[in-house]
Structure formats: structure tokens, C-alpha cells
Amino acid sequence: MAVEPLAECPGCQRRHAFEQVLTAQSNQNVIFSCPDCGYEKKNIRTSKG
């Protein structure tokens, strides 16, 4: 059984599956959005961009 990686929200410290909180953009940036507290961080740079 595979364990899904989790991301912790900097706002409320709750953990969610990557698929629920991270959105990849075509320009290689990532958006983090917490469904619980509404915390959002845009343009998170990755090693690819």
C-alpha cells in the first residue's frame, strides 16, 4: 500500500494530501491553497523553474 505524501499548511498546521492543496502551473510555478483555513501562497518556485 502506497502512502500519499502530505503537505502541512503554514497557516493552520493541518496536513493534506499534495493533490488537495498543490496546483502546478504550466510555467513551473506551484500554488498552495488550504481548504480549511484559506491560506494561499502563489508562485512557489520549484527546482525545475
PDB file of N, CA and C in Angstrom:
ATOM      1  N   MET A   1       0.848  -1.182   0.000  1.00  0.00           N
ATOM      2  CA  MET A   1       0.000   0.000   0.000  1.00  0.00           C
ATOM      3  C   MET A   1       0.890   1.241   0.000  1.00  0.00           C
ATOM      4  N   ALA A   2       0.671   2.127  -0.949  1.00  0.00           N
ATOM      5  CA  ALA A   2       1.454   3.353  -1.060  1.00  0.00           C
ATOM      6  C   ALA A   2       0.912   4.420  -0.113  1.00  0.00           C
ATOM      7  N   VAL A   3       1.819   5.134   0.513  1.00  0.00           N
ATOM      8  CA  VAL A   3       1.433   6.220   1.396  1.00  0.00           C
ATOM      9  C   VAL A   3       1.510   7.517   0.610  1.00  0.00           C
ATOM     10  N   GLU A   4       0.425   8.277   0.626  1.00  0.00           N
ATOM     11  CA  GLU A   4       0.371   9.531  -0.106  1.00  0.00           C
ATOM     12  C   GLU A   4       1.143  10.613   0.645  1.00  0.00           C
ATOM     13  N   PRO A   5       1.999  11.382  -0.051  1.00  0.00           N
ATOM     14  CA  PRO A   5       2.737  12.445   0.631  1.00  0.00           C
ATOM     15  C   PRO A   5       1.790  13.544   1.119  1.00  0.00           C
ATOM     16  N   LEU A   6       2.134  14.142   2.249  1.00  0.00           N
ATOM     17  CA  LEU A   6       1.306  15.181   2.849  1.00  0.00           C
ATOM     18  C   LEU A   6       2.038  16.517   2.862  1.00  0.00           C
ATOM     19  N   ALA A   7       1.267  17.591   2.743  1.00  0.00           N
ATOM     20  CA  ALA A   7       1.795  18.945   2.864  1.00  0.00           C
ATOM     21  C   ALA A   7       1.137  19.584   4.077  1.00  0.00           C
ATOM     22  N   GLU A   8       1.935  20.268   4.899  1.00  0.00           N
ATOM     23  CA  GLU A   8       1.407  20.932   6.094  1.00  0.00           C
ATOM     24  C   GLU A   8       1.174  22.400   5.798  1.00  0.00           C
ATOM     25  N   CYS A   9       0.005  22.898   6.155  1.00  0.00           N
ATOM     26  CA  CYS A   9      -0.341  24.297   5.932  1.00  0.00           C
ATOM     27  C   CYS A   9       0.421  25.189   6.905  1.00  0.00           C
ATOM     28  N   PRO A  10       1.101  26.235   6.417  1.00  0.00           N
ATOM     29  CA  PRO A  10       1.790  27.171   7.307  1.00  0.00           C
ATOM     30  C   PRO A  10       0.818  27.989   8.155  1.00  0.00           C
ATOM     31  N   GLY A  11      -0.428  28.095   7.709  1.00  0.00           N
ATOM     32  CA  GLY A  11      -1.422  28.888   8.441  1.00  0.00           C
ATOM     33  C   GLY A  11      -2.035  28.149   9.616  1.00  0.00           C
ATOM     34  N   CYS A  12      -2.568  26.941   9.372  1.00  0.00           N
ATOM     35  CA  CYS A  12      -3.295  26.222  10.423  1.00  0.00           C
ATOM     36  C   CYS A  12      -2.612  24.931  10.868  1.00  0.00           C
ATOM     37  N   GLN A  13      -1.500  24.563  10.241  1.00  0.00           N
ATOM     38  CA  GLN A  13      -0.719  23.367  10.542  1.00  0.00           C
ATOM     39  C   GLN A  13      -1.461  22.055  10.300  1.00  0.00           C
ATOM     40  N   ARG A  14      -2.571  22.092   9.609  1.00  0.00           N
ATOM     41  CA  ARG A  14      -3.252  20.849   9.249  1.00  0.00           C
ATOM     42  C   ARG A  14      -2.552  20.248   8.039  1.00  0.00           C
ATOM     43  N   ARG A  15      -2.657  18.948   7.908  1.00  0.00           N
ATOM     44  CA  ARG A  15      -1.990  18.249   6.805  1.00  0.00           C
ATOM     45  C   ARG A  15      -3.010  17.754   5.796  1.00  0.00           C
ATOM     46  N   HIS A  16      -2.641  17.880   4.537  1.00  0.00           N
ATOM     47  CA  HIS A  16      -3.495  17.443   3.441  1.00  0.00           C
ATOM     48  C   HIS A  16      -2.641  16.749   2.398  1.00  0.00           C
ATOM     49  N   ALA A  17      -3.267  15.887   1.624  1.00  0.00           N
ATOM     50  CA  ALA A  17      -2.579  15.241   0.513  1.00  0.00           C
ATOM     51  C   ALA A  17      -2.163  16.308  -0.495  1.00  0.00           C
ATOM     52  N   PHE A  18      -1.000  16.109  -1.122  1.00  0.00           N
ATOM     53  CA  PHE A  18      -0.494  17.058  -2.119  1.00  0.00           C
ATOM     54  C   PHE A  18      -1.566  17.391  -3.153  1.00  0.00           C
ATOM     55  N   GLU A  19      -2.283  16.365  -3.626  1.00  0.00           N
ATOM     56  CA  GLU A  19      -3.294  16.560  -4.662  1.00  0.00           C
ATOM     57  C   GLU A  19      -4.377  17.543  -4.255  1.00  0.00           C
ATOM     58  N   GLN A  20      -4.660  17.657  -2.955  1.00  0.00           N
ATOM     59  CA  GLN A  20      -5.718  18.539  -2.465  1.00  0.00           C
ATOM     60  C   GLN A  20      -5.270  19.991  -2.360  1.00  0.00           C
ATOM     61  N   VAL A  21      -3.991  20.236  -2.133  1.00  0.00           N
ATOM     62  CA  VAL A  21      -3.563  21.603  -1.817  1.00  0.00           C
ATOM     63  C   VAL A  21      -2.579  22.220  -2.811  1.00  0.00           C
ATOM     64  N   LEU A  22      -1.952  21.417  -3.669  1.00  0.00           N
ATOM     65  CA  LEU A  22      -0.964  21.952  -4.600  1.00  0.00           C
ATOM     66  C   LEU A  22      -1.471  21.902  -6.034  1.00  0.00           C
ATOM     67  N   THR A  23      -1.282  23.017  -6.743  1.00  0.00           N
ATOM     68  CA  THR A  23      -1.653  23.108  -8.152  1.00  0.00           C
ATOM     69  C   THR A  23      -0.419  23.522  -8.935  1.00  0.00           C
ATOM     70  N   ALA A  24      -0.041  22.732  -9.937  1.00  0.00           N
ATOM     71  CA  ALA A  24       1.119  23.056 -10.774  1.00  0.00           C
ATOM     72  C   ALA A  24       0.658  23.894 -11.962  1.00  0.00           C
ATOM     73  N   GLN A  25       1.418  24.958 -12.240  1.00  0.00           N
ATOM     74  CA  GLN A  25       1.123  25.809 -13.391  1.00  0.00           C
ATOM     75  C   GLN A  25       2.060  25.446 -14.540  1.00  0.00           C
ATOM     76  N   SER A  26       1.694  25.835 -15.738  1.00  0.00           N
ATOM     77  CA  SER A  26       2.497  25.492 -16.914  1.00  0.00           C
ATOM     78  C   SER A  26       3.863  26.169 -16.904  1.00  0.00           C
ATOM     79  N   ASN A  27       4.019  27.263 -16.162  1.00  0.00           N
ATOM     80  CA  ASN A  27       5.308  27.955 -16.095  1.00  0.00           C
ATOM     81  C   ASN A  27       6.196  27.412 -14.972  1.00  0.00           C
ATOM     82  N   GLN A  28       5.895  26.221 -14.482  1.00  0.00           N
ATOM     83  CA  GLN A  28       6.658  25.504 -13.453  1.00  0.00           C
ATOM     84  C   GLN A  28       6.491  26.061 -12.046  1.00  0.00           C
ATOM     85  N   ASN A  29       5.631  27.059 -11.846  1.00  0.00           N
ATOM     86  CA  ASN A  29       5.344  27.536 -10.503  1.00  0.00           C
ATOM     87  C   ASN A  29       4.240  26.683  -9.893  1.00  0.00           C
ATOM     88  N   VAL A  30       4.101  26.751  -8.578  1.00  0.00           N
ATOM     89  CA  VAL A  30       3.118  25.953  -7.853  1.00  0.00           C
ATOM     90  C   VAL A  30       2.298  26.879  -6.959  1.00  0.00           C
ATOM     91  N   ILE A  31       1.004  26.568  -6.798  1.00  0.00           N
ATOM     92  CA  ILE A  31       0.126  27.310  -5.893  1.00  0.00           C
ATOM     93  C   ILE A  31      -0.291  26.368  -4.768  1.00  0.00           C
ATOM     94  N   PHE A  32      -0.170  26.850  -3.525  1.00  0.00           N
ATOM     95  CA  PHE A  32      -0.629  26.099  -2.354  1.00  0.00           C
ATOM     96  C   PHE A  32      -1.905  26.766  -1.868  1.00  0.00           C
ATOM     97  N   SER A  33      -2.986  25.992  -1.701  1.00  0.00           N
ATOM     98  CA  SER A  33      -4.260  26.511  -1.200  1.00  0.00           C
ATOM     99  C   SER A  33      -4.806  25.568  -0.145  1.00  0.00           C
ATOM    100  N   CYS A  34      -5.019  26.073   1.073  1.00  0.00           N
ATOM    101  CA  CYS A  34      -5.539  25.245   2.158  1.00  0.00           C
ATOM    102  C   CYS A  34      -7.069  25.292   2.156  1.00  0.00           C
ATOM    103  N   PRO A  35      -7.728  24.131   2.055  1.00  0.00           N
ATOM    104  CA  PRO A  35      -9.193  24.099   2.065  1.00  0.00           C
ATOM    105  C   PRO A  35      -9.794  24.382   3.445  1.00  0.00           C
ATOM    106  N   ASP A  36      -8.983  24.283   4.506  1.00  0.00           N
ATOM    107  CA  ASP A  36      -9.501  24.501   5.863  1.00  0.00           C
ATOM    108  C   ASP A  36      -9.480  25.966   6.279  1.00  0.00           C
ATOM    109  N   CYS A  37      -8.315  26.607   6.180  1.00  0.00           N
ATOM    110  CA  CYS A  37      -8.196  27.986   6.687  1.00  0.00           C
ATOM    111  C   CYS A  37      -8.154  29.032   5.580  1.00  0.00           C
ATOM    112  N   GLY A  38      -8.019  28.593   4.323  1.00  0.00           N
ATOM    113  CA  GLY A  38      -7.991  29.528   3.211  1.00  0.00           C
ATOM    114  C   GLY A  38      -6.623  30.115   2.915  1.00  0.00           C
ATOM    115  N   TYR A  39      -5.595  29.680   3.623  1.00  0.00           N
ATOM    116  CA  TYR A  39      -4.238  30.162   3.362  1.00  0.00           C
ATOM    117  C   TYR A  39      -3.872  29.858   1.918  1.00  0.00           C
ATOM    118  N   GLU A  40      -3.233  30.832   1.258  1.00  0.00           N
ATOM    119  CA  GLU A  40      -2.816  30.625  -0.129  1.00  0.00           C
ATOM    120  C   GLU A  40      -1.461  31.256  -0.364  1.00  0.00           C
ATOM    121  N   LYS A  41      -0.617  30.528  -1.044  1.00  0.00           N
ATOM    122  CA  LYS A  41       0.684  31.045  -1.451  1.00  0.00           C
ATOM    123  C   LYS A  41       0.847  30.728  -2.924  1.00  0.00           C
ATOM    124  N   LYS A  42       1.151  31.763  -3.712  1.00  0.00           N
ATOM    125  CA  LYS A  42       1.266  31.606  -5.159  1.00  0.00           C
ATOM    126  C   LYS A  42       2.723  31.705  -5.584  1.00  0.00           C
ATOM    127  N   ASN A  43       2.984  31.226  -6.788  1.00  0.00           N
ATOM    128  CA  ASN A  43       4.301  31.323  -7.426  1.00  0.00           C
ATOM    129  C   ASN A  43       5.422  30.704  -6.601  1.00  0.00           C
ATOM    130  N   ILE A  44       5.164  29.531  -6.040  1.00  0.00           N
ATOM    131  CA  ILE A  44       6.203  28.790  -5.325  1.00  0.00           C
ATOM    132  C   ILE A  44       7.126  28.207  -6.384  1.00  0.00           C
ATOM    133  N   ARG A  45       8.368  28.616  -6.369  1.00  0.00           N
ATOM    134  CA  ARG A  45       9.324  28.132  -7.371  1.00  0.00           C
ATOM    135  C   ARG A  45       9.744  26.705  -7.059  1.00  0.00           C
ATOM    136  N   THR A  46       9.964  25.968  -8.104  1.00  0.00           N
ATOM    137  CA  THR A  46      10.398  24.570  -7.962  1.00  0.00           C
ATOM    138  C   THR A  46      11.814  24.429  -8.519  1.00  0.00           C
ATOM    139  N   SER A  47      12.376  23.263  -8.365  1.00  0.00           N
ATOM    140  CA  SER A  47      13.729  23.024  -8.892  1.00  0.00           C
ATOM    141  C   SER A  47      13.745  23.055 -10.412  1.00  0.00           C
ATOM    142  N   LYS A  48      12.595  22.896 -11.026  1.00  0.00           N
ATOM    143  CA  LYS A  48      12.506  22.926 -12.492  1.00  0.00           C
ATOM    144  C   LYS A  48      12.362  24.351 -13.018  1.00  0.00           C
ATOM    145  N   GLY A  49      11.947  25.287 -12.200  1.00  0.00           N
ATOM    146  CA  GLY A  49      11.688  26.624 -12.723  1.00  0.00           C
ATOM    147  C   GLY A  49      12.094  27.648 -11.763  1.00  0.00           C
TER     148      GLY A  49
END
